[in-house]
Amino acid sequence: MGSGILIFPAIDKPHVSLAAESLFGSPISNSMLTMFLVMLGLVLFFVFATRRLTTGGQAAAYAAPRGVQNFAEFVIESLLNLVEGTAGKRTGRVIFPLIATLFVFILSANYAGLLPGVGTIGYCHAPGEEHRAPAAILTASVVPMGGAAVTTAAGDEPTPGCSNAGEVLVPFLRAPNADLNMTLAMALVAIVTVQVFAIRAHGVGSYLKEFVAPPIPFLHLIGEFSRIISLSARLFGNVFGGEVLLAVIIALTTPLAFGLFGLVPMLFYGLELFFGFIQALLFSLLTLIYVAVASAGHGDHDHGDHDVMHETEHGAVGATERQAASLAA
């Protein structure tokens, strides 16, 4: 019997950058630039979708929604029904703009990170050196790796697309939620809103009593800080981890892009689409639950409401993990 040797092509070792990269030494990072583009896209979408909205005095022919307007109304009505069913009609109508904004923005930002060119088109830069003039370093290199925060490790060989040794690719665009600053800012907005609703529902005196209530003083304060960490770290970890996973899978399968190997990245892109939706829903739904509990239950009912809230949170996270495991299997 003969024997053979299967030789695989060399694969670059990925280098992970946790922090968003600054563009040309400016205060604007690549994740911030993507955030502005997502916001601009959402504004243009809803302006276009609502251009045919009518009042009672206009022709009935223009009143029937269709096309983009029909889709936009479906999304808004579905979110409104979810919010009112969870927090009640009175509180739900007040908190709905925040919940809908969080869901639509997080979902759009997650999906924007999966678009071609995000994380793969940029310019070459040597870490530790000052940025040179943009005209001298703007190369618009394309790296077949995917993932906004992953470039080839600096060393003897340059990043694919870069000509000088030790240079790495700084992408122009990066998923906004792969930046902890973005997720932390949204978590702070959510928790501050929870405190506002708690004061509105129970008054300043009752609100302050919660922070010194027995058996353990300041336990409520610790719980509020844990919510901030939970919301921000969960969203950041899932989005950032997903990008790293895609980068590794594409780096491993691109040299072997034949037969079934070409389908492997598509399967993981499908998982990222699913997780992007789940994370947007989970962040907005937990914010909604926090507001509903703060508005409805304090004092004698506080511990019971917190138990319900924690059970709901753990149940939602557990359901996400079980669905991911079933898909992976």
C-alpha atoms as a PDB file:
ATOM      1  CA  MET A   1       0.000   0.000   0.000  1.00  0.00           C
ATOM      2  CA  GLY A   2       1.204   3.450  -0.787  1.00  0.00           C
ATOM      3  CA  SER A   3       1.262   6.340   1.588  1.00  0.00           C
ATOM      4  CA  GLY A   4       0.788  10.005   0.940  1.00  0.00           C
ATOM      5  CA  ILE A   5       1.322  13.266   2.732  1.00  0.00           C
ATOM      6  CA  LEU A   6      -1.380  15.917   2.805  1.00  0.00           C
ATOM      7  CA  ILE A   7       0.203  19.361   2.935  1.00  0.00           C
ATOM      8  CA  PHE A   8      -1.896  22.282   4.157  1.00  0.00           C
ATOM      9  CA  PRO A   9      -0.933  25.836   3.248  1.00  0.00           C
ATOM     10  CA  ALA A  10       0.488  28.093   5.918  1.00  0.00           C
ATOM     11  CA  ILE A  11      -2.099  30.048   7.904  1.00  0.00           C
ATOM     12  CA  ASP A  12      -1.384  33.399   9.508  1.00  0.00           C
ATOM     13  CA  LYS A  13      -1.743  33.595  13.263  1.00  0.00           C
ATOM     14  CA  PRO A  14      -4.562  36.037  14.162  1.00  0.00           C
ATOM     15  CA  HIS A  15      -3.876  38.940  16.489  1.00  0.00           C
ATOM     16  CA  VAL A  16      -6.844  40.179  18.509  1.00  0.00           C
ATOM     17  CA  SER A  17      -7.293  43.852  19.318  1.00  0.00           C
ATOM     18  CA  LEU A  18      -9.771  44.448  22.148  1.00  0.00           C
ATOM     19  CA  ALA A  19      -9.748  48.223  21.825  1.00  0.00           C
ATOM     20  CA  ALA A  20     -11.192  50.058  18.848  1.00  0.00           C
ATOM     21  CA  GLU A  21      -8.482  51.473  16.607  1.00  0.00           C
ATOM     22  CA  SER A  22      -8.090  55.227  16.147  1.00  0.00           C
ATOM     23  CA  LEU A  23      -8.240  56.366  12.526  1.00  0.00           C
ATOM     24  CA  PHE A  24      -5.141  58.334  11.457  1.00  0.00           C
ATOM     25  CA  GLY A  25      -4.475  59.374  15.050  1.00  0.00           C
ATOM     26  CA  SER A  26      -7.783  61.256  15.327  1.00  0.00           C
ATOM     27  CA  PRO A  27     -10.242  60.995  18.250  1.00  0.00           C
ATOM     28  CA  ILE A  28     -12.623  59.084  15.970  1.00  0.00           C
ATOM     29  CA  SER A  29     -12.269  55.303  16.129  1.00  0.00           C
ATOM     30  CA  ASN A  30     -13.373  52.837  13.492  1.00  0.00           C
ATOM     31  CA  SER A  31     -16.238  51.597  15.680  1.00  0.00           C
ATOM     32  CA  MET A  32     -17.428  55.182  16.183  1.00  0.00           C
ATOM     33  CA  LEU A  33     -17.394  55.784  12.435  1.00  0.00           C
ATOM     34  CA  THR A  34     -19.495  52.670  11.880  1.00  0.00           C
ATOM     35  CA  MET A  35     -21.904  53.819  14.592  1.00  0.00           C
ATOM     36  CA  PHE A  36     -22.428  57.142  12.783  1.00  0.00           C
ATOM     37  CA  LEU A  37     -23.056  55.320   9.500  1.00  0.00           C
ATOM     38  CA  VAL A  38     -25.585  52.977  11.149  1.00  0.00           C
ATOM     39  CA  MET A  39     -27.395  55.937  12.703  1.00  0.00           C
ATOM     40  CA  LEU A  40     -27.451  57.747   9.362  1.00  0.00           C
ATOM     41  CA  GLY A  41     -28.786  54.635   7.651  1.00  0.00           C
ATOM     42  CA  LEU A  42     -31.575  54.234  10.219  1.00  0.00           C
ATOM     43  CA  VAL A  43     -32.586  57.892   9.916  1.00  0.00           C
ATOM     44  CA  LEU A  44     -32.748  57.652   6.120  1.00  0.00           C
ATOM     45  CA  PHE A  45     -34.655  54.371   6.292  1.00  0.00           C
ATOM     46  CA  PHE A  46     -37.386  55.685   8.584  1.00  0.00           C
ATOM     47  CA  VAL A  47     -37.619  58.988   6.724  1.00  0.00           C
ATOM     48  CA  PHE A  48     -38.163  57.019   3.529  1.00  0.00           C
ATOM     49  CA  ALA A  49     -40.557  54.580   5.232  1.00  0.00           C
ATOM     50  CA  THR A  50     -42.744  57.317   6.734  1.00  0.00           C
ATOM     51  CA  ARG A  51     -42.865  59.670   3.760  1.00  0.00           C
ATOM     52  CA  ARG A  52     -46.370  58.413   2.884  1.00  0.00           C
ATOM     53  CA  LEU A  53     -47.834  58.724   6.381  1.00  0.00           C
ATOM     54  CA  THR A  54     -51.150  60.514   6.122  1.00  0.00           C
ATOM     55  CA  THR A  55     -53.593  62.437   8.251  1.00  0.00           C
ATOM     56  CA  GLY A  56     -57.360  62.253   8.233  1.00  0.00           C
ATOM     57  CA  GLY A  57     -57.714  65.034   5.682  1.00  0.00           C
ATOM     58  CA  GLN A  58     -55.599  63.392   2.994  1.00  0.00           C
ATOM     59  CA  ALA A  59     -56.692  61.014   0.285  1.00  0.00           C
ATOM     60  CA  ALA A  60     -57.525  57.503   1.365  1.00  0.00           C
ATOM     61  CA  ALA A  61     -55.505  56.082  -1.536  1.00  0.00           C
ATOM     62  CA  TYR A  62     -52.304  57.096   0.209  1.00  0.00           C
ATOM     63  CA  ALA A  63     -53.345  55.753   3.622  1.00  0.00           C
ATOM     64  CA  ALA A  64     -52.774  52.055   2.961  1.00  0.00           C
ATOM     65  CA  PRO A  65     -49.183  51.131   3.925  1.00  0.00           C
ATOM     66  CA  ARG A  66     -47.114  49.197   1.435  1.00  0.00           C
ATOM     67  CA  GLY A  67     -43.519  48.282   0.719  1.00  0.00           C
ATOM     68  CA  VAL A  68     -40.972  49.689   3.154  1.00  0.00           C
ATOM     69  CA  GLN A  69     -43.638  51.470   5.197  1.00  0.00           C
ATOM     70  CA  ASN A  70     -45.473  48.180   5.693  1.00  0.00           C
ATOM     71  CA  PHE A  71     -42.300  46.520   6.990  1.00  0.00           C
ATOM     72  CA  ALA A  72     -41.493  49.450   9.293  1.00  0.00           C
ATOM     73  CA  GLU A  73     -45.006  49.448  10.748  1.00  0.00           C
ATOM     74  CA  PHE A  74     -44.798  45.677  11.312  1.00  0.00           C
ATOM     75  CA  VAL A  75     -41.584  46.083  13.303  1.00  0.00           C
ATOM     76  CA  ILE A  76     -42.880  49.001  15.372  1.00  0.00           C
ATOM     77  CA  GLU A  77     -46.248  47.374  16.104  1.00  0.00           C
ATOM     78  CA  SER A  78     -44.601  44.110  17.129  1.00  0.00           C
ATOM     79  CA  LEU A  79     -42.286  45.924  19.528  1.00  0.00           C
ATOM     80  CA  LEU A  80     -45.158  48.017  20.890  1.00  0.00           C
ATOM     81  CA  ASN A  81     -47.240  44.918  21.611  1.00  0.00           C
ATOM     82  CA  LEU A  82     -44.272  43.317  23.379  1.00  0.00           C
ATOM     83  CA  VAL A  83     -43.605  46.403  25.507  1.00  0.00           C
ATOM     84  CA  GLU A  84     -47.248  46.959  26.465  1.00  0.00           C
ATOM     85  CA  GLY A  85     -47.719  43.280  27.264  1.00  0.00           C
ATOM     86  CA  THR A  86     -44.722  43.331  29.622  1.00  0.00           C
ATOM     87  CA  ALA A  87     -44.904  46.750  31.321  1.00  0.00           C
ATOM     88  CA  GLY A  88     -48.597  47.610  30.862  1.00  0.00           C
ATOM     89  CA  LYS A  89     -50.089  50.137  28.501  1.00  0.00           C
ATOM     90  CA  ARG A  90     -49.385  53.202  30.649  1.00  0.00           C
ATOM     91  CA  THR A  91     -45.720  52.507  31.406  1.00  0.00           C
ATOM     92  CA  GLY A  92     -45.189  50.759  28.090  1.00  0.00           C
ATOM     93  CA  ARG A  93     -46.182  53.795  26.030  1.00  0.00           C
ATOM     94  CA  VAL A  94     -43.700  55.936  27.960  1.00  0.00           C
ATOM     95  CA  ILE A  95     -40.745  53.530  27.790  1.00  0.00           C
ATOM     96  CA  PHE A  96     -41.453  52.305  24.246  1.00  0.00           C
ATOM     97  CA  PRO A  97     -39.253  54.880  22.406  1.00  0.00           C
ATOM     98  CA  LEU A  98     -36.171  53.784  24.374  1.00  0.00           C
ATOM     99  CA  ILE A  99     -36.835  50.046  24.037  1.00  0.00           C
ATOM    100  CA  ALA A 100     -37.561  50.292  20.305  1.00  0.00           C
ATOM    101  CA  THR A 101     -34.472  52.455  19.731  1.00  0.00           C
ATOM    102  CA  LEU A 102     -32.231  50.029  21.620  1.00  0.00           C
ATOM    103  CA  PHE A 103     -33.535  47.008  19.726  1.00  0.00           C
ATOM    104  CA  VAL A 104     -33.397  48.544  16.249  1.00  0.00           C
ATOM    105  CA  PHE A 105     -29.982  50.134  16.772  1.00  0.00           C
ATOM    106  CA  ILE A 106     -28.338  47.067  18.354  1.00  0.00           C
ATOM    107  CA  LEU A 107     -29.751  44.760  15.673  1.00  0.00           C
ATOM    108  CA  SER A 108     -28.628  47.084  12.862  1.00  0.00           C
ATOM    109  CA  ALA A 109     -25.172  47.536  14.408  1.00  0.00           C
ATOM    110  CA  ASN A 110     -24.735  43.772  14.843  1.00  0.00           C
ATOM    111  CA  TYR A 111     -25.678  43.093  11.233  1.00  0.00           C
ATOM    112  CA  ALA A 112     -23.536  45.979   9.975  1.00  0.00           C
ATOM    113  CA  GLY A 113     -20.508  44.216  11.431  1.00  0.00           C
ATOM    114  CA  LEU A 114     -21.164  41.267   9.110  1.00  0.00           C
ATOM    115  CA  LEU A 115     -21.176  43.300   5.884  1.00  0.00           C
ATOM    116  CA  PRO A 116     -18.334  42.766   3.404  1.00  0.00           C
ATOM    117  CA  GLY A 117     -15.519  45.232   3.942  1.00  0.00           C
ATOM    118  CA  VAL A 118     -16.192  45.828   7.640  1.00  0.00           C
ATOM    119  CA  GLY A 119     -12.967  44.839   9.375  1.00  0.00           C
ATOM    120  CA  THR A 120     -11.177  43.908   6.158  1.00  0.00           C
ATOM    121  CA  ILE A 121     -10.592  47.207   4.311  1.00  0.00           C
ATOM    122  CA  GLY A 122      -8.254  49.723   5.887  1.00  0.00           C
ATOM    123  CA  TYR A 123      -4.707  51.053   5.872  1.00  0.00           C
ATOM    124  CA  CYS A 124      -1.381  49.681   7.071  1.00  0.00           C
ATOM    125  CA  HIS A 125       0.167  50.933  10.283  1.00  0.00           C
ATOM    126  CA  ALA A 126       3.067  49.779  12.430  1.00  0.00           C
ATOM    127  CA  PRO A 127       2.013  49.482  16.121  1.00  0.00           C
ATOM    128  CA  GLY A 128       3.844  51.840  18.452  1.00  0.00           C
ATOM    129  CA  GLU A 129       4.716  54.350  15.738  1.00  0.00           C
ATOM    130  CA  GLU A 130       3.097  57.703  15.174  1.00  0.00           C
ATOM    131  CA  HIS A 131       0.699  57.916  12.260  1.00  0.00           C
ATOM    132  CA  ARG A 132       2.207  59.371   9.144  1.00  0.00           C
ATOM    133  CA  ALA A 133       0.417  61.630   6.719  1.00  0.00           C
ATOM    134  CA  PRO A 134      -2.756  59.955   5.448  1.00  0.00           C
ATOM    135  CA  ALA A 135      -1.660  60.393   1.830  1.00  0.00           C
ATOM    136  CA  ALA A 136       1.455  58.319   2.512  1.00  0.00           C
ATOM    137  CA  ILE A 137      -0.223  55.364   4.233  1.00  0.00           C
ATOM    138  CA  LEU A 138      -3.718  55.143   2.762  1.00  0.00           C
ATOM    139  CA  THR A 139      -3.580  51.856   0.848  1.00  0.00           C
ATOM    140  CA  ALA A 140      -7.140  50.503   1.160  1.00  0.00           C
ATOM    141  CA  SER A 141      -5.867  46.963   1.517  1.00  0.00           C
ATOM    142  CA  VAL A 142      -8.275  44.048   1.540  1.00  0.00           C
ATOM    143  CA  VAL A 143      -7.492  41.102   3.821  1.00  0.00           C
ATOM    144  CA  PRO A 144      -9.447  37.841   3.396  1.00  0.00           C
ATOM    145  CA  MET A 145      -9.968  37.318   7.093  1.00  0.00           C
ATOM    146  CA  GLY A 146     -13.263  38.836   8.264  1.00  0.00           C
ATOM    147  CA  GLY A 147     -13.880  40.089  11.786  1.00  0.00           C
ATOM    148  CA  ALA A 148     -13.408  43.744  12.617  1.00  0.00           C
ATOM    149  CA  ALA A 149     -10.905  43.301  15.427  1.00  0.00           C
ATOM    150  CA  VAL A 150      -8.565  40.667  13.993  1.00  0.00           C
ATOM    151  CA  THR A 151      -5.404  41.296  12.012  1.00  0.00           C
ATOM    152  CA  THR A 152      -2.273  39.288  11.449  1.00  0.00           C
ATOM    153  CA  ALA A 153       0.196  39.526  14.293  1.00  0.00           C
ATOM    154  CA  ALA A 154       3.023  41.982  13.762  1.00  0.00           C
ATOM    155  CA  GLY A 155       6.347  40.231  13.246  1.00  0.00           C
ATOM    156  CA  ASP A 156       8.813  39.463  10.487  1.00  0.00           C
ATOM    157  CA  GLU A 157       6.057  39.238   7.895  1.00  0.00           C
ATOM    158  CA  PRO A 158       3.624  42.076   7.144  1.00  0.00           C
ATOM    159  CA  THR A 159      -0.130  41.722   7.214  1.00  0.00           C
ATOM    160  CA  PRO A 160      -1.514  40.469   3.861  1.00  0.00           C
ATOM    161  CA  GLY A 161      -2.077  43.614   1.821  1.00  0.00           C
ATOM    162  CA  CYS A 162       0.698  45.543   3.614  1.00  0.00           C
ATOM    163  CA  SER A 163       4.151  45.838   2.101  1.00  0.00           C
ATOM    164  CA  ASN A 164       6.361  46.620   5.126  1.00  0.00           C
ATOM    165  CA  ALA A 165       7.323  44.102   7.801  1.00  0.00           C
ATOM    166  CA  GLY A 166       5.710  44.636  11.177  1.00  0.00           C
ATOM    167  CA  GLU A 167       2.710  46.537   9.828  1.00  0.00           C
ATOM    168  CA  VAL A 168      -0.856  45.538  10.614  1.00  0.00           C
ATOM    169  CA  LEU A 169      -4.114  46.431   8.951  1.00  0.00           C
ATOM    170  CA  VAL A 170      -6.188  49.100  10.731  1.00  0.00           C
ATOM    171  CA  PRO A 171      -9.742  48.656   9.389  1.00  0.00           C
ATOM    172  CA  PHE A 172     -11.759  51.728   8.535  1.00  0.00           C
ATOM    173  CA  LEU A 173     -14.948  50.167   9.932  1.00  0.00           C
ATOM    174  CA  ARG A 174     -15.597  47.948  12.941  1.00  0.00           C
ATOM    175  CA  ALA A 175     -18.833  46.695  14.490  1.00  0.00           C
ATOM    176  CA  PRO A 176     -19.968  49.292  17.082  1.00  0.00           C
ATOM    177  CA  ASN A 177     -20.966  46.673  19.660  1.00  0.00           C
ATOM    178  CA  ALA A 178     -17.511  45.071  19.465  1.00  0.00           C
ATOM    179  CA  ASP A 179     -16.366  48.174  21.378  1.00  0.00           C
ATOM    180  CA  LEU A 180     -16.978  48.017  25.132  1.00  0.00           C
ATOM    181  CA  ASN A 181     -17.389  51.808  25.250  1.00  0.00           C
ATOM    182  CA  MET A 182     -20.518  51.524  23.084  1.00  0.00           C
ATOM    183  CA  THR A 183     -22.175  48.753  25.084  1.00  0.00           C
ATOM    184  CA  LEU A 184     -21.270  50.416  28.390  1.00  0.00           C
ATOM    185  CA  ALA A 185     -22.820  53.704  27.240  1.00  0.00           C
ATOM    186  CA  MET A 186     -26.084  51.964  26.302  1.00  0.00           C
ATOM    187  CA  ALA A 187     -26.113  50.074  29.623  1.00  0.00           C
ATOM    188  CA  LEU A 188     -25.665  53.338  31.543  1.00  0.00           C
ATOM    189  CA  VAL A 189     -28.534  54.947  29.648  1.00  0.00           C
ATOM    190  CA  ALA A 190     -30.742  51.941  30.394  1.00  0.00           C
ATOM    191  CA  ILE A 191     -29.973  51.812  34.124  1.00  0.00           C
ATOM    192  CA  VAL A 192     -30.291  55.579  34.589  1.00  0.00           C
ATOM    193  CA  THR A 193     -33.720  55.329  32.947  1.00  0.00           C
ATOM    194  CA  VAL A 194     -34.631  52.573  35.415  1.00  0.00           C
ATOM    195  CA  GLN A 195     -33.749  54.882  38.323  1.00  0.00           C
ATOM    196  CA  VAL A 196     -35.850  57.684  36.838  1.00  0.00           C
ATOM    197  CA  PHE A 197     -38.884  55.414  36.588  1.00  0.00           C
ATOM    198  CA  ALA A 198     -38.329  54.141  40.127  1.00  0.00           C
ATOM    199  CA  ILE A 199     -38.299  57.692  41.533  1.00  0.00           C
ATOM    200  CA  ARG A 200     -41.302  58.628  39.413  1.00  0.00           C
ATOM    201  CA  ALA A 201     -43.320  55.664  40.681  1.00  0.00           C
ATOM    202  CA  HIS A 202     -42.389  55.679  44.377  1.00  0.00           C
ATOM    203  CA  GLY A 203     -40.940  59.089  45.228  1.00  0.00           C
ATOM    204  CA  VAL A 204     -37.458  60.104  46.292  1.00  0.00           C
ATOM    205  CA  GLY A 205     -37.887  58.955  49.913  1.00  0.00           C
ATOM    206  CA  SER A 206     -38.955  55.408  49.108  1.00  0.00           C
ATOM    207  CA  TYR A 207     -36.334  55.193  46.408  1.00  0.00           C
ATOM    208  CA  LEU A 208     -33.485  56.128  48.767  1.00  0.00           C
ATOM    209  CA  LYS A 209     -34.715  53.696  51.435  1.00  0.00           C
ATOM    210  CA  GLU A 210     -34.000  50.813  49.088  1.00  0.00           C
ATOM    211  CA  PHE A 211     -30.270  51.510  49.264  1.00  0.00           C
ATOM    212  CA  VAL A 212     -30.093  51.168  53.057  1.00  0.00           C
ATOM    213  CA  ALA A 213     -32.829  48.594  53.628  1.00  0.00           C
ATOM    214  CA  PRO A 214     -32.000  45.545  55.785  1.00  0.00           C
ATOM    215  CA  PRO A 215     -30.782  42.843  55.934  1.00  0.00           C
ATOM    216  CA  ILE A 216     -27.723  44.029  53.976  1.00  0.00           C
ATOM    217  CA  PRO A 217     -27.377  47.772  53.448  1.00  0.00           C
ATOM    218  CA  PHE A 218     -26.366  48.917  49.975  1.00  0.00           C
ATOM    219  CA  LEU A 219     -27.241  45.521  48.496  1.00  0.00           C
ATOM    220  CA  HIS A 220     -29.600  47.309  46.126  1.00  0.00           C
ATOM    221  CA  LEU A 221     -26.754  49.581  44.999  1.00  0.00           C
ATOM    222  CA  ILE A 222     -24.554  46.575  44.279  1.00  0.00           C
ATOM    223  CA  GLY A 223     -27.394  45.043  42.285  1.00  0.00           C
ATOM    224  CA  GLU A 224     -27.736  48.150  40.118  1.00  0.00           C
ATOM    225  CA  PHE A 225     -24.022  48.130  39.307  1.00  0.00           C
ATOM    226  CA  SER A 226     -24.197  44.435  38.493  1.00  0.00           C
ATOM    227  CA  ARG A 227     -26.927  45.195  35.956  1.00  0.00           C
ATOM    228  CA  ILE A 228     -24.625  47.647  34.189  1.00  0.00           C
ATOM    229  CA  ILE A 229     -21.842  45.070  34.032  1.00  0.00           C
ATOM    230  CA  SER A 230     -24.237  42.341  32.922  1.00  0.00           C
ATOM    231  CA  LEU A 231     -25.824  44.324  30.090  1.00  0.00           C
ATOM    232  CA  SER A 232     -22.600  45.772  28.712  1.00  0.00           C
ATOM    233  CA  ALA A 233     -20.346  42.725  29.083  1.00  0.00           C
ATOM    234  CA  ARG A 234     -22.884  40.271  27.653  1.00  0.00           C
ATOM    235  CA  LEU A 235     -23.459  42.257  24.470  1.00  0.00           C
ATOM    236  CA  PHE A 236     -19.794  43.118  23.995  1.00  0.00           C
ATOM    237  CA  GLY A 237     -18.614  39.566  24.663  1.00  0.00           C
ATOM    238  CA  ASN A 238     -21.035  37.946  22.245  1.00  0.00           C
ATOM    239  CA  VAL A 239     -20.415  40.374  19.386  1.00  0.00           C
ATOM    240  CA  PHE A 240     -16.648  40.514  19.838  1.00  0.00           C
ATOM    241  CA  GLY A 241     -16.380  36.760  20.305  1.00  0.00           C
ATOM    242  CA  GLY A 242     -18.465  36.202  17.192  1.00  0.00           C
ATOM    243  CA  GLU A 243     -16.139  38.383  15.128  1.00  0.00           C
ATOM    244  CA  VAL A 244     -13.070  36.555  16.398  1.00  0.00           C
ATOM    245  CA  LEU A 245     -14.730  33.226  15.614  1.00  0.00           C
ATOM    246  CA  LEU A 246     -15.553  34.319  12.063  1.00  0.00           C
ATOM    247  CA  ALA A 247     -12.011  35.583  11.528  1.00  0.00           C
ATOM    248  CA  VAL A 248     -10.489  32.298  12.694  1.00  0.00           C
ATOM    249  CA  ILE A 249     -12.902  30.168  10.649  1.00  0.00           C
ATOM    250  CA  ILE A 250     -12.317  32.197   7.481  1.00  0.00           C
ATOM    251  CA  ALA A 251      -8.539  32.149   8.032  1.00  0.00           C
ATOM    252  CA  LEU A 252      -8.626  28.356   8.417  1.00  0.00           C
ATOM    253  CA  THR A 253     -10.937  27.620   5.510  1.00  0.00           C
ATOM    254  CA  THR A 254      -9.897  30.211   2.905  1.00  0.00           C
ATOM    255  CA  PRO A 255      -6.751  28.269   1.845  1.00  0.00           C
ATOM    256  CA  LEU A 256      -8.986  25.185   1.540  1.00  0.00           C
ATOM    257  CA  ALA A 257     -11.945  26.859  -0.153  1.00  0.00           C
ATOM    258  CA  PHE A 258     -13.089  23.883  -2.179  1.00  0.00           C
ATOM    259  CA  GLY A 259     -15.896  21.367  -1.760  1.00  0.00           C
ATOM    260  CA  LEU A 260     -17.542  21.394   1.634  1.00  0.00           C
ATOM    261  CA  PHE A 261     -14.933  23.774   3.088  1.00  0.00           C
ATOM    262  CA  GLY A 262     -16.589  26.669   1.271  1.00  0.00           C
ATOM    263  CA  LEU A 263     -19.822  26.082   3.198  1.00  0.00           C
ATOM    264  CA  VAL A 264     -18.211  26.291   6.639  1.00  0.00           C
ATOM    265  CA  PRO A 265     -17.994  30.134   6.817  1.00  0.00           C
ATOM    266  CA  MET A 266     -21.604  30.407   5.612  1.00  0.00           C
ATOM    267  CA  LEU A 267     -22.789  28.226   8.486  1.00  0.00           C
ATOM    268  CA  PHE A 268     -21.053  30.456  11.016  1.00  0.00           C
ATOM    269  CA  TYR A 269     -22.388  33.593   9.329  1.00  0.00           C
ATOM    270  CA  GLY A 270     -25.857  32.120   9.806  1.00  0.00           C
ATOM    271  CA  LEU A 271     -25.136  31.614  13.500  1.00  0.00           C
ATOM    272  CA  GLU A 272     -23.955  35.214  13.812  1.00  0.00           C
ATOM    273  CA  LEU A 273     -27.175  36.452  12.201  1.00  0.00           C
ATOM    274  CA  PHE A 274     -29.137  34.461  14.771  1.00  0.00           C
ATOM    275  CA  PHE A 275     -27.029  35.615  17.728  1.00  0.00           C
ATOM    276  CA  GLY A 276     -27.167  39.229  16.542  1.00  0.00           C
ATOM    277  CA  PHE A 277     -30.955  39.138  16.739  1.00  0.00           C
ATOM    278  CA  ILE A 278     -30.960  37.339  20.098  1.00  0.00           C
ATOM    279  CA  GLN A 279     -28.543  39.811  21.694  1.00  0.00           C
ATOM    280  CA  ALA A 280     -30.570  42.812  20.487  1.00  0.00           C
ATOM    281  CA  LEU A 281     -33.760  41.253  21.837  1.00  0.00           C
ATOM    282  CA  LEU A 282     -32.131  40.255  25.129  1.00  0.00           C
ATOM    283  CA  PHE A 283     -30.650  43.707  25.821  1.00  0.00           C
ATOM    284  CA  SER A 284     -33.898  45.547  25.103  1.00  0.00           C
ATOM    285  CA  LEU A 285     -36.060  42.962  26.881  1.00  0.00           C
ATOM    286  CA  LEU A 286     -33.957  43.047  30.062  1.00  0.00           C
ATOM    287  CA  THR A 287     -34.105  46.845  30.052  1.00  0.00           C
ATOM    288  CA  LEU A 288     -37.873  46.608  29.731  1.00  0.00           C
ATOM    289  CA  ILE A 289     -38.079  44.136  32.635  1.00  0.00           C
ATOM    290  CA  TYR A 290     -35.899  46.352  34.825  1.00  0.00           C
ATOM    291  CA  VAL A 291     -38.172  49.326  34.155  1.00  0.00           C
ATOM    292  CA  ALA A 292     -41.343  47.301  34.770  1.00  0.00           C
ATOM    293  CA  VAL A 293     -40.022  45.970  38.092  1.00  0.00           C
ATOM    294  CA  ALA A 294     -38.825  49.406  39.211  1.00  0.00           C
ATOM    295  CA  SER A 295     -42.197  50.949  38.405  1.00  0.00           C
ATOM    296  CA  ALA A 296     -44.339  48.236  39.986  1.00  0.00           C
ATOM    297  CA  GLY A 297     -42.515  46.740  42.924  1.00  0.00           C
ATOM    298  CA  HIS A 298     -40.626  48.236  45.836  1.00  0.00           C
ATOM    299  CA  GLY A 299     -40.807  47.952  49.570  1.00  0.00           C
ATOM    300  CA  ASP A 300     -42.523  44.771  50.768  1.00  0.00           C
ATOM    301  CA  HIS A 301     -42.665  43.313  47.264  1.00  0.00           C
ATOM    302  CA  ASP A 302     -39.122  44.190  46.247  1.00  0.00           C
ATOM    303  CA  HIS A 303     -37.480  40.840  46.927  1.00  0.00           C
ATOM    304  CA  GLY A 304     -40.178  38.917  45.108  1.00  0.00           C
ATOM    305  CA  ASP A 305     -39.949  41.189  42.101  1.00  0.00           C
ATOM    306  CA  HIS A 306     -36.182  40.827  42.007  1.00  0.00           C
ATOM    307  CA  ASP A 307     -36.544  37.045  42.148  1.00  0.00           C
ATOM    308  CA  VAL A 308     -38.895  37.168  39.180  1.00  0.00           C
ATOM    309  CA  MET A 309     -36.531  39.480  37.348  1.00  0.00           C
ATOM    310  CA  HIS A 310     -33.489  37.263  37.929  1.00  0.00           C
ATOM    311  CA  GLU A 311     -35.411  34.157  36.922  1.00  0.00           C
ATOM    312  CA  THR A 312     -36.499  35.878  33.712  1.00  0.00           C
ATOM    313  CA  GLU A 313     -32.963  37.050  32.937  1.00  0.00           C
ATOM    314  CA  HIS A 314     -31.371  33.661  33.583  1.00  0.00           C
ATOM    315  CA  GLY A 315     -34.153  31.953  31.662  1.00  0.00           C
ATOM    316  CA  ALA A 316     -33.625  34.189  28.631  1.00  0.00           C
ATOM    317  CA  VAL A 317     -29.857  33.649  28.686  1.00  0.00           C
ATOM    318  CA  GLY A 318     -30.306  29.914  29.196  1.00  0.00           C
ATOM    319  CA  ALA A 319     -32.737  29.694  26.288  1.00  0.00           C
ATOM    320  CA  THR A 320     -30.217  31.457  24.064  1.00  0.00           C
ATOM    321  CA  GLU A 321     -27.475  29.015  25.058  1.00  0.00           C
ATOM    322  CA  ARG A 322     -29.717  25.988  24.496  1.00  0.00           C
ATOM    323  CA  GLN A 323     -30.747  27.220  21.040  1.00  0.00           C
ATOM    324  CA  ALA A 324     -27.099  27.860  20.138  1.00  0.00           C
ATOM    325  CA  ALA A 325     -26.131  24.373  21.303  1.00  0.00           C
ATOM    326  CA  SER A 326     -28.893  22.766  19.244  1.00  0.00           C
ATOM    327  CA  LEU A 327     -27.827  24.688  16.127  1.00  0.00           C
ATOM    328  CA  ALA A 328     -24.170  23.821  16.665  1.00  0.00           C
ATOM    329  CA  ALA A 329     -25.096  20.167  17.055  1.00  0.00           C
END
